[in-house]
Amino acid sequence: MSSDTSKGLTVVRQQIDELESLKKQTLHDLNTIAGTERIAQWKVRSVALITDAVGSLEGRAIARIQPGPSFTNDLVEEFADLVECYRSPLIILAKRLAAQAPPPGS
């Protein structure tokens, strides 16, 4: 694995872990307003980190994510949907970066 790919994969995985941690914290304290604010702050940091580690194209892709309206009237479900709209593209990016790496021992 090249050092750039390895660094990028590590950063993307860390951002997924941070996102999961924010979700867990919010679902524990049931404060979806604070959770949404933490997600917004996380997004700003994540875009900068991913742009630096993976590339500007991927950073812009994450920056362009705009969650759509939700009509569930369930704040916890709406928050979980917000997390998922960022989590899914990050998992896809991580899989793509992992696939670019040569097999171990090469």
Protein backbone atom coordinates (compact mmCIF):
# COMPACT_ATOMS: atom_id res chain seq x y z
CA MET A 1 0.00 0.00 0.00
CA SER A 2 1.44 3.33 -0.91
CA SER A 3 1.87 5.73 1.96
CA ASP A 4 -0.62 8.17 0.39
CA THR A 5 -3.30 5.49 0.04
CA SER A 6 -2.55 4.21 3.53
CA LYS A 7 -2.76 7.72 5.01
CA GLY A 8 -6.00 8.42 3.16
CA LEU A 9 -7.56 5.15 4.26
CA THR A 10 -6.54 5.79 7.87
CA VAL A 11 -8.06 9.29 7.80
CA VAL A 12 -11.31 8.07 6.25
CA ARG A 13 -11.63 5.27 8.80
CA GLN A 14 -10.97 7.73 11.63
CA GLN A 15 -13.71 9.99 10.33
CA ILE A 16 -16.14 7.06 10.17
CA ASP A 17 -15.23 6.19 13.77
CA GLU A 18 -15.72 9.81 14.88
CA LEU A 19 -19.09 9.92 13.16
CA GLU A 20 -20.16 6.70 14.87
CA SER A 21 -18.99 8.12 18.19
CA LEU A 22 -21.05 11.28 17.66
CA LYS A 23 -24.08 9.16 16.82
CA LYS A 24 -23.62 7.01 19.91
CA GLN A 25 -23.19 10.05 22.16
CA THR A 26 -26.26 11.76 20.73
CA LEU A 27 -28.45 8.68 20.99
CA HIS A 28 -27.27 8.23 24.57
CA ASP A 29 -28.09 11.77 25.72
CA LEU A 30 -31.04 12.19 23.29
CA ASN A 31 -30.03 15.75 22.46
CA THR A 32 -30.40 15.75 18.69
CA ILE A 33 -29.97 19.52 18.41
CA ALA A 34 -26.51 19.36 19.98
CA GLY A 35 -25.79 16.24 17.94
CA THR A 36 -26.66 18.01 14.72
CA GLU A 37 -24.36 20.88 15.67
CA ARG A 38 -21.55 18.41 16.43
CA ILE A 39 -22.11 16.78 13.03
CA ALA A 40 -21.80 20.19 11.33
CA GLN A 41 -18.48 20.81 13.13
CA TRP A 42 -17.34 17.27 12.30
CA LYS A 43 -18.15 17.85 8.62
CA VAL A 44 -15.97 20.97 8.44
CA ARG A 45 -13.01 19.12 10.01
CA SER A 46 -13.60 16.01 7.91
CA VAL A 47 -13.69 17.88 4.62
CA ALA A 48 -10.34 19.50 5.43
CA LEU A 49 -8.77 16.20 6.54
CA ILE A 50 -10.06 14.22 3.57
CA THR A 51 -9.03 16.94 1.13
CA ASP A 52 -5.53 16.88 2.58
CA ALA A 53 -5.17 13.09 2.86
CA VAL A 54 -7.14 11.80 -0.13
CA GLY A 55 -7.61 14.68 -2.54
CA SER A 56 -9.67 17.74 -3.34
CA LEU A 57 -12.18 15.81 -5.46
CA GLU A 58 -13.13 13.54 -2.55
CA GLY A 59 -13.14 16.46 -0.11
CA ARG A 60 -15.51 18.42 -2.32
CA ALA A 61 -17.76 15.37 -2.65
CA ILE A 62 -18.15 15.20 1.12
CA ALA A 63 -18.60 18.99 1.34
CA ARG A 64 -21.44 18.86 -1.21
CA ILE A 65 -23.51 16.41 0.81
CA GLN A 66 -26.74 18.13 1.78
CA PRO A 67 -29.19 16.03 3.76
CA GLY A 68 -32.67 16.20 2.38
CA PRO A 69 -35.81 17.06 4.30
CA SER A 70 -37.21 14.53 6.69
CA PHE A 71 -40.86 14.08 7.42
CA THR A 72 -40.81 11.44 10.16
CA ASN A 73 -41.45 13.76 13.12
CA ASP A 74 -39.05 11.50 15.02
CA LEU A 75 -35.94 13.48 15.90
CA VAL A 76 -33.88 10.40 16.73
CA GLU A 77 -34.68 8.77 13.40
CA GLU A 78 -33.96 12.01 11.57
CA PHE A 79 -30.59 12.27 13.32
CA ALA A 80 -29.76 8.66 12.41
CA ASP A 81 -30.62 9.48 8.78
CA LEU A 82 -28.31 12.52 8.94
CA VAL A 83 -25.44 10.35 10.15
CA GLU A 84 -26.11 7.77 7.46
CA CYS A 85 -25.99 10.34 4.65
CA TYR A 86 -22.33 10.96 5.59
CA ARG A 87 -21.45 7.43 6.70
CA SER A 88 -22.37 5.68 3.44
CA PRO A 89 -20.14 7.79 1.14
CA LEU A 90 -17.26 7.47 3.60
CA ILE A 91 -17.58 3.68 3.66
CA ILE A 92 -17.63 3.61 -0.15
CA LEU A 93 -14.51 5.82 -0.22
CA ALA A 94 -12.76 3.57 2.32
CA LYS A 95 -13.55 0.48 0.25
CA ARG A 96 -12.26 2.18 -2.88
CA LEU A 97 -9.02 3.18 -1.15
CA ALA A 98 -8.58 -0.32 0.28
CA ALA A 99 -9.06 -1.83 -3.18
CA GLN A 100 -6.29 0.40 -4.58
CA ALA A 101 -3.83 -1.10 -2.14
CA PRO A 102 -1.75 -4.09 -3.22
CA PRO A 103 -2.28 -7.29 -1.22
CA PRO A 104 -0.24 -7.62 2.00
CA GLY A 105 3.22 -9.04 1.47
CA SER A 106 3.61 -7.58 -2.02
